[in-house]
């Protein structure tokens, strides 16, 4: 029996999402409550006091549904069932309610482009055979060539290689991601109805929002034509049919005062902002900022572009430094190439962790001072680096689809260190976690950092406290200040100023009445050292 929904929010809270600090939880690696080596909902519930003390407004869960875990849970077998490795539906309902009682809202992940090959619909489609109504829910086609041995088109999978798999009956099915993730046919009304029902299912359980995975990929050209560079419209990216889908979703969300955040990777800002019109998605992830190198001029451009593209539709920007797919910030900023590109990932890339940590601390203050909402990936507040997973322990399909050249995404998913002197850094019990932790992991443990005034965790806690309680933060205008070369400085309302020094030499601070917070100590003359940020009051 499901728990009753929590009490409705006060009217003043309806726009919480415009300037929220949202913490991303990758359940499998957050905390292990039952001691089996896999993170679970019991572990999250036990760590709710940590999240309250950290000072976040909401938590976003990557998929926690029933899944064979062929792609870390993004291969969903049943949207109405929690995977047994994580717990039960009753536990999820209890977690949503308990978090809400502590002032923390819950956002869940929905993966509408595809399901697991173990989903009831796909198993029925396989059993029914070619030409059946069951197969119309997916993209089944005959192959090309004399015997149908060539895939139906020349598309490339998001994970590399062909996105087509041939069955014993001769037909091929489309999967833009892993073989175990068949794409749904969004031209079929049953697909649309099912997802609308799933949204209502979770909204009725108190979920405050939904993150939409691969939001620009759902609709396909019905002809499934070969890909031609420059083709407009694209056969499977950012098609106009998507907007009608999201308008229908928005109408449902409005009934529950719920919100959407879309994963929309689009280089065309005009096309991107269409998803943020008032009757579609509330927000979308800002990948321009996330992928930008640690460079003053490039970051200023990324910030300006982001603010400008959101302005016409009145949507708040979102600021993201890292997530479960991206090389951790400390490692990325400690490399010669400080931006992020999936195609550039490689084993053995030299990294200066000390430099990366200094820059990651400054980037934390930069992102938390910008107008809009901010997303924080678990472990970033501990300053965790990317881990190079031993070859025989890698699980990410991106590694295998690349022929072994891509290290995959497991390196940012290593189970968190909680207690320095406990087995496996206190992640669970004496059972080895599902991904191996490096020997140095205990040195990043939350209990060690809690008592260290100079730790990354202390910095994040204080920054989030100031952001939540002080004037000038969150949604609203910003203005750039005149600075010397290699320095970014901008003002917010109520006299708040953020300054970041990217230059070689220490920088003079703008005129101010007080220093709120610095990512590293000022020099003996009160100047801001290289790769350091400060929050000031003027």
Protein backbone atom coordinates (compact mmCIF):
# COMPACT_ATOMS: atom_id res chain seq x y z
CA UNK A 1 0.00 0.00 0.00
CA UNK A 2 1.49 3.29 -1.04
CA UNK A 3 2.20 6.03 1.46
CA UNK A 4 -0.01 9.15 1.35
CA UNK A 5 1.47 12.05 -0.56
CA UNK A 6 3.30 14.65 1.56
CA UNK A 7 1.55 17.89 2.37
CA UNK A 8 1.39 20.29 -0.60
CA UNK A 9 4.00 23.02 -0.82
CA UNK A 10 3.17 26.56 0.12
CA UNK A 11 2.35 28.75 -2.92
CA UNK A 12 5.59 30.67 -2.40
CA UNK A 13 7.52 27.45 -2.99
CA UNK A 14 6.20 26.82 -6.50
CA UNK A 15 9.24 28.45 -8.12
CA UNK A 16 11.80 26.64 -5.95
CA UNK A 17 13.35 25.09 -9.04
CA UNK A 18 14.47 28.44 -10.45
CA UNK A 19 17.39 28.74 -8.04
CA UNK A 20 17.62 25.35 -6.33
CA UNK A 21 20.79 23.48 -5.43
CA UNK A 22 20.08 19.93 -6.57
CA UNK A 23 22.22 16.94 -5.57
CA UNK A 24 22.52 14.05 -8.01
CA UNK A 25 22.47 10.58 -6.46
CA UNK A 26 23.73 7.58 -8.40
CA UNK A 27 22.09 5.10 -6.03
CA UNK A 28 24.38 2.17 -6.78
CA UNK A 29 27.39 4.15 -5.54
CA UNK A 30 26.03 6.47 -2.85
CA UNK A 31 25.68 4.35 0.30
CA UNK A 32 25.10 0.64 0.97
CA UNK A 33 22.48 0.07 3.64
CA UNK A 34 22.22 -3.73 3.55
CA UNK A 35 25.91 -4.58 3.18
CA UNK A 36 25.82 -6.38 -0.16
CA UNK A 37 28.30 -4.07 -1.91
CA UNK A 38 25.65 -2.14 -3.87
CA UNK A 39 24.22 1.23 -2.86
CA UNK A 40 20.52 1.25 -2.06
CA UNK A 41 17.61 3.33 -0.81
CA UNK A 42 18.25 2.28 2.78
CA UNK A 43 21.72 3.78 2.43
CA UNK A 44 20.28 7.04 1.10
CA UNK A 45 17.74 7.25 3.92
CA UNK A 46 20.52 6.76 6.47
CA UNK A 47 22.47 9.63 4.90
CA UNK A 48 19.62 12.14 4.74
CA UNK A 49 21.10 14.05 7.71
CA UNK A 50 24.31 14.46 5.67
CA UNK A 51 22.34 15.94 2.78
CA UNK A 52 20.47 18.27 5.12
CA UNK A 53 23.75 19.47 6.60
CA UNK A 54 25.23 19.87 3.13
CA UNK A 55 22.37 22.25 2.39
CA UNK A 56 20.77 21.02 -0.83
CA UNK A 57 17.19 21.77 -1.85
CA UNK A 58 16.48 18.60 -3.82
CA UNK A 59 17.95 15.24 -4.74
CA UNK A 60 17.86 13.79 -8.24
CA UNK A 61 18.01 10.02 -8.49
CA UNK A 62 19.39 8.33 -11.57
CA UNK A 63 17.15 5.35 -12.49
CA UNK A 64 16.20 3.20 -9.52
CA UNK A 65 13.77 0.98 -11.42
CA UNK A 66 13.87 -2.74 -12.16
CA UNK A 67 16.74 -3.20 -14.59
CA UNK A 68 19.27 -5.81 -15.76
CA UNK A 69 21.83 -2.97 -15.42
CA UNK A 70 23.21 -3.38 -18.92
CA UNK A 71 23.68 0.41 -18.89
CA UNK A 72 23.74 1.37 -15.23
CA UNK A 73 19.95 1.34 -14.88
CA UNK A 74 19.19 3.31 -18.03
CA UNK A 75 17.79 0.07 -19.42
CA UNK A 76 14.45 0.07 -17.60
CA UNK A 77 12.44 -3.14 -17.38
CA UNK A 78 9.57 -1.78 -15.25
CA UNK A 79 8.95 1.87 -14.33
CA UNK A 80 6.60 1.02 -11.49
CA UNK A 81 8.99 -1.30 -9.66
CA UNK A 82 12.17 -0.48 -7.73
CA UNK A 83 15.06 -2.78 -8.57
CA UNK A 84 15.47 -5.31 -5.72
CA UNK A 85 19.15 -4.39 -5.48
CA UNK A 86 18.02 -0.92 -4.34
CA UNK A 87 14.96 -1.79 -2.27
CA UNK A 88 11.19 -1.71 -2.74
CA UNK A 89 8.53 0.69 -3.92
CA UNK A 90 7.43 1.13 -0.30
CA UNK A 91 10.99 2.18 0.61
CA UNK A 92 11.06 4.66 -2.26
CA UNK A 93 7.79 6.18 -1.08
CA UNK A 94 9.14 6.39 2.47
CA UNK A 95 12.36 8.02 1.24
CA UNK A 96 10.44 10.62 -0.78
CA UNK A 97 8.30 11.45 2.26
CA UNK A 98 11.18 11.54 4.76
CA UNK A 99 13.29 13.75 2.50
CA UNK A 100 10.39 16.10 2.04
CA UNK A 101 9.88 16.33 5.81
CA UNK A 102 13.49 17.52 5.96
CA UNK A 103 12.92 20.15 3.28
CA UNK A 104 14.45 18.16 0.42
CA UNK A 105 12.43 17.46 -2.72
CA UNK A 106 12.88 14.43 -4.96
CA UNK A 107 13.51 14.38 -8.70
CA UNK A 108 13.51 11.07 -10.55
CA UNK A 109 14.89 10.01 -13.92
CA UNK A 110 12.70 8.97 -16.85
CA UNK A 111 14.25 7.29 -19.90
CA UNK A 112 11.67 7.70 -22.67
CA UNK A 113 13.79 6.91 -25.73
CA UNK A 114 14.20 3.22 -24.95
CA UNK A 115 13.49 0.41 -22.53
CA UNK A 116 15.33 -2.75 -21.52
CA UNK A 117 15.22 -5.80 -23.73
CA UNK A 118 13.72 -7.45 -20.61
CA UNK A 119 10.76 -5.06 -20.61
CA UNK A 120 7.41 -6.89 -21.00
CA UNK A 121 6.65 -5.02 -24.22
CA UNK A 122 9.87 -6.05 -25.93
CA UNK A 123 9.64 -9.66 -24.81
CA UNK A 124 6.11 -9.76 -26.22
CA UNK A 125 7.35 -8.24 -29.48
CA UNK A 126 10.01 -10.92 -29.83
CA UNK A 127 7.49 -13.66 -29.17
CA UNK A 128 4.86 -12.25 -31.55
CA UNK A 129 7.14 -12.16 -34.58
CA UNK A 130 7.37 -10.02 -37.73
CA UNK A 131 4.38 -7.92 -38.70
CA UNK A 132 2.71 -8.16 -35.29
CA UNK A 133 1.08 -5.24 -33.44
CA UNK A 134 3.53 -5.84 -30.59
CA UNK A 135 6.46 -4.97 -32.83
CA UNK A 136 4.86 -1.67 -33.82
CA UNK A 137 5.78 -0.32 -30.37
CA UNK A 138 9.45 -0.44 -31.46
CA UNK A 139 11.42 0.03 -34.69
CA UNK A 140 11.64 -3.34 -36.39
CA UNK A 141 12.77 -3.47 -40.02
CA UNK A 142 14.01 -5.91 -42.62
CA UNK A 143 17.62 -5.55 -43.59
CA UNK A 144 19.18 -4.53 -46.86
CA UNK A 145 21.24 -6.69 -49.16
CA UNK A 146 20.36 -9.89 -51.02
CA UNK A 147 19.51 -11.76 -47.83
CA UNK A 148 18.69 -8.87 -45.53
CA UNK A 149 22.12 -9.18 -43.95
CA UNK A 150 22.90 -5.42 -44.04
CA UNK A 151 21.39 -3.15 -41.36
CA UNK A 152 18.33 -1.12 -42.45
CA UNK A 153 20.28 2.16 -42.45
CA UNK A 154 23.74 3.59 -41.79
CA UNK A 155 23.08 5.32 -38.46
CA UNK A 156 25.73 5.22 -35.74
CA UNK A 157 24.89 4.25 -32.16
CA UNK A 158 25.48 6.78 -29.37
CA UNK A 159 27.82 4.11 -27.97
CA UNK A 160 29.57 3.49 -31.30
CA UNK A 161 28.94 0.92 -34.03
CA UNK A 162 25.64 0.11 -35.67
CA UNK A 163 22.42 0.77 -33.72
CA UNK A 164 20.79 -2.29 -35.25
CA UNK A 165 20.66 -5.89 -34.02
CA UNK A 166 19.37 -8.77 -36.14
CA UNK A 167 17.10 -11.44 -34.71
CA UNK A 168 16.88 -15.09 -35.69
CA UNK A 169 13.68 -14.38 -37.63
CA UNK A 170 15.62 -12.05 -39.91
CA UNK A 171 14.29 -8.70 -38.69
CA UNK A 172 16.46 -5.99 -37.17
CA UNK A 173 15.54 -3.71 -34.25
CA UNK A 174 16.82 -0.20 -33.56
CA UNK A 175 18.76 0.76 -30.42
CA UNK A 176 20.52 4.12 -30.41
CA UNK A 177 22.35 2.99 -27.28
CA UNK A 178 23.30 -0.54 -26.17
CA UNK A 179 21.91 -3.68 -27.83
CA UNK A 180 19.90 -4.29 -24.65
CA UNK A 181 18.10 -0.93 -25.02
CA UNK A 182 15.55 -1.12 -27.88
CA UNK A 183 14.18 2.25 -28.97
CA UNK A 184 10.46 2.88 -28.57
CA UNK A 185 8.30 4.06 -31.45
CA UNK A 186 6.98 7.42 -30.26
CA UNK A 187 4.62 7.66 -33.21
CA UNK A 188 2.53 4.95 -31.53
CA UNK A 189 -0.20 6.29 -29.21
CA UNK A 190 0.32 3.48 -26.68
CA UNK A 191 3.89 4.63 -26.09
CA UNK A 192 2.73 8.17 -25.34
CA UNK A 193 -0.07 6.98 -23.07
CA UNK A 194 2.20 4.68 -21.10
CA UNK A 195 4.68 7.44 -20.32
CA UNK A 196 1.93 9.84 -19.29
CA UNK A 197 0.64 7.17 -16.93
CA UNK A 198 4.14 6.65 -15.50
CA UNK A 199 4.47 10.39 -14.82
CA UNK A 200 1.20 10.40 -12.91
CA UNK A 201 2.24 7.26 -11.00
CA UNK A 202 5.31 9.02 -9.57
CA UNK A 203 3.81 12.48 -9.15
CA UNK A 204 1.09 10.90 -7.00
CA UNK A 205 3.85 9.52 -4.77
CA UNK A 206 5.21 12.95 -4.02
CA UNK A 207 7.93 13.28 -6.64
CA UNK A 208 8.59 16.98 -7.27
CA UNK A 209 10.21 16.70 -10.67
CA UNK A 210 11.48 14.54 -13.49
CA UNK A 211 14.78 14.60 -15.34
CA UNK A 212 14.28 13.46 -18.94
CA UNK A 213 17.11 11.34 -20.32
CA UNK A 214 18.18 11.89 -23.96
CA UNK A 215 15.24 14.25 -24.34
CA UNK A 216 15.99 15.22 -27.95
CA UNK A 217 16.15 11.68 -29.37
CA UNK A 218 12.65 10.23 -28.98
CA UNK A 219 11.09 11.01 -32.35
CA UNK A 220 12.39 9.33 -35.52
CA UNK A 221 11.78 9.96 -39.21
CA UNK A 222 9.23 7.20 -40.02
CA UNK A 223 11.22 6.26 -43.14
CA UNK A 224 14.39 5.72 -41.05
CA UNK A 225 16.53 7.07 -43.92
CA UNK A 226 20.32 6.95 -44.13
CA UNK A 227 22.06 9.78 -42.34
CA UNK A 228 23.22 12.64 -44.52
CA UNK A 229 25.45 15.36 -43.09
CA UNK A 230 23.47 18.57 -42.93
CA UNK A 231 20.11 16.83 -43.35
CA UNK A 232 17.34 19.05 -42.01
CA UNK A 233 15.42 17.82 -40.18
CA UNK A 234 17.76 15.26 -38.63
CA UNK A 235 16.32 11.73 -38.83
CA UNK A 236 16.44 11.18 -35.05
CA UNK A 237 17.69 14.30 -33.22
CA UNK A 238 15.59 17.33 -32.24
CA UNK A 239 12.62 16.61 -34.46
CA UNK A 240 9.63 18.94 -34.33
CA UNK A 241 7.30 16.14 -33.17
CA UNK A 242 8.99 16.21 -29.78
CA UNK A 243 7.44 19.50 -28.76
CA UNK A 244 3.90 18.16 -28.88
CA UNK A 245 5.01 15.33 -26.59
CA UNK A 246 6.49 17.70 -24.03
CA UNK A 247 3.47 20.01 -24.15
CA UNK A 248 1.29 17.08 -23.11
CA UNK A 249 3.76 16.24 -20.33
CA UNK A 250 3.81 19.84 -19.11
CA UNK A 251 0.03 19.81 -18.76
CA UNK A 252 0.33 16.80 -16.44
CA UNK A 253 3.17 18.35 -14.43
CA UNK A 254 1.11 21.50 -13.93
CA UNK A 255 -1.57 19.45 -12.19
CA UNK A 256 0.97 18.46 -9.52
CA UNK A 257 3.17 21.60 -9.45
CA UNK A 258 5.98 19.33 -10.65
CA UNK A 259 8.90 20.31 -12.86
CA UNK A 260 10.98 18.91 -15.71
CA UNK A 261 14.66 19.18 -16.50
CA UNK A 262 15.70 17.92 -19.91
CA UNK A 263 18.96 16.35 -20.99
CA UNK A 264 19.20 18.24 -24.28
CA UNK A 265 22.55 18.17 -26.09
CA UNK A 266 22.12 20.61 -28.98
CA UNK A 267 24.72 22.97 -30.48
CA UNK A 268 22.04 25.23 -32.00
CA UNK A 269 20.95 27.58 -29.21
CA UNK A 270 17.80 28.64 -31.04
CA UNK A 271 16.70 25.02 -31.32
CA UNK A 272 17.72 24.33 -27.71
CA UNK A 273 15.64 27.13 -26.23
CA UNK A 274 12.49 25.89 -27.95
CA UNK A 275 12.32 23.14 -25.33
CA UNK A 276 12.12 25.81 -22.62
CA UNK A 277 9.06 27.63 -23.84
CA UNK A 278 6.48 28.24 -21.07
CA UNK A 279 4.32 25.27 -22.11
CA UNK A 280 7.17 22.74 -22.42
CA UNK A 281 10.11 21.93 -20.11
CA UNK A 282 10.91 24.08 -17.09
CA UNK A 283 14.70 23.75 -17.39
CA UNK A 284 17.40 21.89 -19.31
CA UNK A 285 20.96 20.96 -18.49
CA UNK A 286 23.62 23.41 -19.58
CA UNK A 287 26.28 21.28 -21.24
CA UNK A 288 28.07 24.27 -22.77
CA UNK A 289 29.28 25.31 -19.33
CA UNK A 290 30.04 21.74 -18.24
CA UNK A 291 32.23 20.99 -21.26
CA UNK A 292 34.02 24.36 -21.30
CA UNK A 293 37.78 24.42 -20.59
CA UNK A 294 39.17 26.23 -17.54
CA UNK A 295 39.75 29.47 -19.40
CA UNK A 296 38.47 32.94 -18.45
CA UNK A 297 37.48 34.07 -21.93
CA UNK A 298 35.84 30.78 -22.92
CA UNK A 299 33.93 30.50 -19.65
CA UNK A 300 32.70 34.09 -19.91
CA UNK A 301 31.42 33.35 -23.40
CA UNK A 302 29.74 30.16 -22.19
CA UNK A 303 28.06 32.05 -19.35
CA UNK A 304 26.94 34.91 -21.60
CA UNK A 305 25.57 32.51 -24.21
CA UNK A 306 23.72 30.51 -21.58
CA UNK A 307 22.10 33.54 -19.96
CA UNK A 308 21.21 35.04 -23.35
CA UNK A 309 19.62 31.89 -24.75
CA UNK A 310 17.40 31.45 -21.68
CA UNK A 311 16.28 35.08 -21.49
CA UNK A 312 13.70 35.09 -24.35
CA UNK A 313 11.62 32.37 -22.71
CA UNK A 314 12.18 33.45 -19.12
CA UNK A 315 13.70 30.11 -18.11
CA UNK A 316 16.46 29.94 -15.49
CA UNK A 317 19.85 28.61 -16.47
CA UNK A 318 21.27 25.47 -14.90
CA UNK A 319 24.94 25.13 -14.00
CA UNK A 320 26.59 21.71 -13.95
CA UNK A 321 30.27 20.85 -13.45
CA UNK A 322 29.98 17.06 -13.53
CA UNK A 323 27.55 14.15 -13.63
CA UNK A 324 27.51 10.35 -13.80
CA UNK A 325 28.66 10.38 -17.44
CA UNK A 326 31.44 12.97 -17.25
CA UNK A 327 35.06 12.90 -16.03
CA UNK A 328 35.16 14.30 -12.51
CA UNK A 329 35.97 17.99 -12.17
CA UNK A 330 39.15 17.57 -10.09
CA UNK A 331 40.65 15.29 -12.73
CA UNK A 332 39.41 17.22 -15.76
CA UNK A 333 40.77 20.54 -14.50
CA UNK A 334 44.10 18.94 -13.64
CA UNK A 335 44.82 17.94 -17.22
CA UNK A 336 46.34 19.80 -20.13
CA UNK A 337 43.00 19.72 -21.95
CA UNK A 338 40.54 20.93 -19.31
CA UNK A 339 37.34 20.74 -21.36
CA UNK A 340 35.20 17.64 -21.79
CA UNK A 341 34.56 15.64 -24.94
CA UNK A 342 33.44 12.01 -24.98
CA UNK A 343 35.55 11.38 -28.07
CA UNK A 344 38.72 12.58 -26.33
CA UNK A 345 38.57 10.21 -23.36
CA UNK A 346 41.60 7.93 -23.12
CA UNK A 347 43.46 5.73 -20.67
CA UNK A 348 46.54 7.04 -18.89
CA UNK A 349 45.94 10.77 -19.38
CA UNK A 350 48.41 12.68 -17.14
CA UNK A 351 46.69 14.59 -14.32
CA UNK A 352 47.88 17.11 -11.74
CA UNK A 353 45.39 16.40 -8.94
CA UNK A 354 46.58 19.27 -6.75
CA UNK A 355 46.06 21.76 -9.57
CA UNK A 356 42.71 20.18 -10.46
CA UNK A 357 41.54 20.42 -6.85
CA UNK A 358 42.45 24.09 -6.61
CA UNK A 359 40.54 24.82 -9.80
CA UNK A 360 37.57 22.66 -8.77
CA UNK A 361 37.26 24.65 -5.54
CA UNK A 362 37.22 27.89 -7.51
CA UNK A 363 34.75 26.45 -10.01
CA UNK A 364 32.41 25.52 -7.15
CA UNK A 365 32.17 29.16 -6.04
CA UNK A 366 31.82 30.32 -9.64
CA UNK A 367 28.94 27.97 -10.44
CA UNK A 368 27.13 28.57 -7.12
CA UNK A 369 27.20 32.35 -7.64
CA UNK A 370 25.72 32.31 -11.15
CA UNK A 371 22.02 33.08 -11.71
CA UNK A 372 19.70 30.08 -11.83
CA UNK A 373 19.82 26.54 -10.47
CA UNK A 374 22.88 24.39 -9.84
CA UNK A 375 23.32 20.61 -9.99
CA UNK A 376 25.94 18.93 -7.81
CA UNK A 377 27.00 15.35 -8.57
CA UNK A 378 27.61 13.13 -5.54
CA UNK A 379 31.24 13.16 -4.44
CA UNK A 380 32.06 16.51 -6.00
CA UNK A 381 31.63 18.01 -2.53
CA UNK A 382 34.36 15.60 -1.37
CA UNK A 383 36.74 16.58 -4.16
CA UNK A 384 36.83 13.04 -5.54
CA UNK A 385 39.05 12.46 -8.58
CA UNK A 386 38.25 10.23 -11.53
CA UNK A 387 39.37 6.62 -10.96
CA UNK A 388 40.98 4.52 -13.67
CA UNK A 389 39.18 1.21 -13.23
CA UNK A 390 41.19 -2.01 -13.81
CA UNK A 391 40.32 -3.51 -17.18
CA UNK A 392 38.86 -6.66 -15.68
CA UNK A 393 36.46 -4.65 -13.49
CA UNK A 394 35.05 -2.21 -16.07
CA UNK A 395 31.30 -2.58 -16.55
CA UNK A 396 30.33 0.40 -18.72
CA UNK A 397 29.10 -0.60 -22.21
CA UNK A 398 30.76 2.50 -23.70
CA UNK A 399 34.13 0.82 -23.04
CA UNK A 400 33.19 -2.39 -24.78
CA UNK A 401 31.40 -0.72 -27.70
CA UNK A 402 34.57 1.32 -28.34
CA UNK A 403 36.63 -1.84 -28.74
CA UNK A 404 38.35 -1.12 -25.43
CA UNK A 405 39.78 2.31 -26.29
CA UNK A 406 37.31 4.37 -24.23
CA UNK A 407 37.83 3.99 -20.45
CA UNK A 408 34.08 4.36 -20.02
CA UNK A 409 32.16 6.18 -17.30
CA UNK A 410 32.77 3.88 -14.33
CA UNK A 411 35.60 6.12 -13.11
CA UNK A 412 33.16 8.76 -11.88
CA UNK A 413 30.82 6.15 -10.37
CA UNK A 414 33.13 4.62 -7.76
CA UNK A 415 31.28 4.12 -4.42
CA UNK A 416 31.62 7.07 -2.04
CA UNK A 417 33.97 7.14 0.96
CA UNK A 418 32.14 7.89 4.19
CA UNK A 419 34.33 6.71 7.06
CA UNK A 420 38.12 6.76 6.89
CA UNK A 421 38.88 3.87 9.24
CA UNK A 422 36.08 1.53 8.13
CA UNK A 423 36.35 -1.27 5.55
CA UNK A 424 35.90 0.07 2.03
CA UNK A 425 35.85 3.61 3.43
CA UNK A 426 32.53 3.02 5.12
CA UNK A 427 30.52 2.58 1.94
CA UNK A 428 28.66 -0.36 3.46
CA UNK A 429 30.07 -3.31 5.39
CA UNK A 430 32.86 -5.82 4.87
CA UNK A 431 31.58 -6.66 1.38
CA UNK A 432 33.65 -5.26 -1.47
CA UNK A 433 31.70 -2.63 -3.44
CA UNK A 434 30.52 -3.32 -6.98
CA UNK A 435 33.30 -1.08 -8.34
CA UNK A 436 36.76 -1.08 -6.74
CA UNK A 437 37.90 1.90 -4.68
CA UNK A 438 41.55 3.00 -4.97
CA UNK A 439 43.84 2.73 -1.94
CA UNK A 440 43.72 6.50 -1.41
CA UNK A 441 39.91 6.62 -1.16
CA UNK A 442 39.78 6.79 2.64
CA UNK A 443 41.66 10.09 2.59
CA UNK A 444 38.57 11.67 0.97
CA UNK A 445 36.13 10.27 3.55
CA UNK A 446 33.29 12.53 4.64
CA UNK A 447 34.00 12.04 8.34
CA UNK A 448 37.58 13.29 7.91
CA UNK A 449 36.49 16.29 5.88
CA UNK A 450 33.71 17.23 8.30
CA UNK A 451 36.26 18.23 10.90
CA UNK A 452 38.64 20.00 8.54
CA UNK A 453 37.96 23.72 8.04
CA UNK A 454 39.98 23.69 4.82
CA UNK A 455 38.35 20.63 3.21
CA UNK A 456 36.29 20.57 0.04
CA UNK A 457 33.25 19.42 2.04
CA UNK A 458 33.53 22.37 4.41
CA UNK A 459 33.82 24.73 1.45
CA UNK A 460 30.66 23.34 -0.16
CA UNK A 461 28.71 23.39 3.09
CA UNK A 462 29.56 27.01 3.75
CA UNK A 463 28.96 28.03 0.12
CA UNK A 464 25.55 26.34 0.07
CA UNK A 465 24.65 27.91 3.43
CA UNK A 466 25.49 31.38 2.15
CA UNK A 467 23.70 30.73 -1.12
CA UNK A 468 20.57 29.61 0.71
CA UNK A 469 20.49 32.33 3.39
CA UNK A 470 22.35 35.32 1.95
CA UNK A 471 21.02 37.97 -0.42
CA UNK A 472 22.00 38.17 -4.08
CA UNK A 473 22.26 34.47 -4.92
CA UNK A 474 20.08 32.30 -7.12
CA UNK A 475 17.78 33.50 -9.89
CA UNK A 476 18.15 37.10 -11.03
CA UNK A 477 20.40 39.44 -13.03
CA UNK A 478 24.19 39.55 -13.17
CA UNK A 479 26.62 42.16 -14.50
CA UNK A 480 30.26 41.77 -15.47
CA UNK A 481 32.80 44.02 -13.80
CA UNK A 482 35.88 45.53 -15.40
CA UNK A 483 38.97 43.48 -14.50
CA UNK A 484 42.49 42.83 -15.60
CA UNK A 485 43.35 40.06 -18.07
CA UNK A 486 42.66 36.51 -16.90
CA UNK A 487 40.17 37.59 -14.21
CA UNK A 488 36.40 37.15 -14.21
CA UNK A 489 34.29 39.25 -11.86
CA UNK A 490 30.56 39.79 -11.81
CA UNK A 491 28.06 41.37 -9.48
CA UNK A 492 24.67 40.14 -8.36
CA UNK A 493 21.95 41.99 -6.49
CA UNK A 494 22.43 43.32 -2.94
CA UNK A 495 26.14 43.91 -3.36
CA UNK A 496 27.27 40.35 -4.00
CA UNK A 497 30.41 39.99 -6.15
CA UNK A 498 32.16 36.84 -7.39
CA UNK A 499 35.78 37.04 -8.57
CA UNK A 500 37.82 34.23 -10.15
CA UNK A 501 41.49 34.55 -11.06
CA UNK A 502 42.63 32.45 -14.01
CA UNK A 503 45.81 34.48 -14.57
CA UNK A 504 49.42 33.75 -13.73
CA UNK A 505 49.77 36.53 -11.14
CA UNK A 506 47.73 37.34 -8.00
CA UNK A 507 44.85 39.74 -8.71
CA UNK A 508 43.68 42.75 -6.74
CA UNK A 509 40.17 42.33 -5.38
CA UNK A 510 37.50 44.88 -6.37
CA UNK A 511 36.53 47.41 -3.72
CA UNK A 512 34.51 45.60 -1.06
CA UNK A 513 33.25 45.83 2.49
CA UNK A 514 33.74 42.19 3.40
CA UNK A 515 34.96 38.80 2.20
CA UNK A 516 32.24 36.18 2.46
CA UNK A 517 34.16 33.12 1.27
CA UNK A 518 37.31 32.20 -0.65
CA UNK A 519 38.19 28.92 -2.35
CA UNK A 520 41.77 29.27 -1.12
CA UNK A 521 43.70 31.70 1.08
CA UNK A 522 44.48 35.20 -0.14
CA UNK A 523 48.16 36.11 -0.36
CA UNK A 524 49.93 38.22 2.27
CA UNK A 525 48.87 41.40 0.46
CA UNK A 526 45.21 40.43 0.33
CA UNK A 527 45.28 39.53 -3.35
CA UNK A 528 43.54 36.62 -5.05
CA UNK A 529 46.02 33.90 -6.13
CA UNK A 530 45.84 32.03 -9.43
CA UNK A 531 42.98 29.51 -9.79
CA UNK A 532 41.18 30.92 -6.77
CA UNK A 533 37.71 32.43 -6.34
CA UNK A 534 36.19 34.81 -3.79
CA UNK A 535 32.72 35.98 -2.81
CA UNK A 536 32.62 39.60 -1.66
CA UNK A 537 30.13 42.11 -0.28
CA UNK A 538 30.34 45.66 -1.62
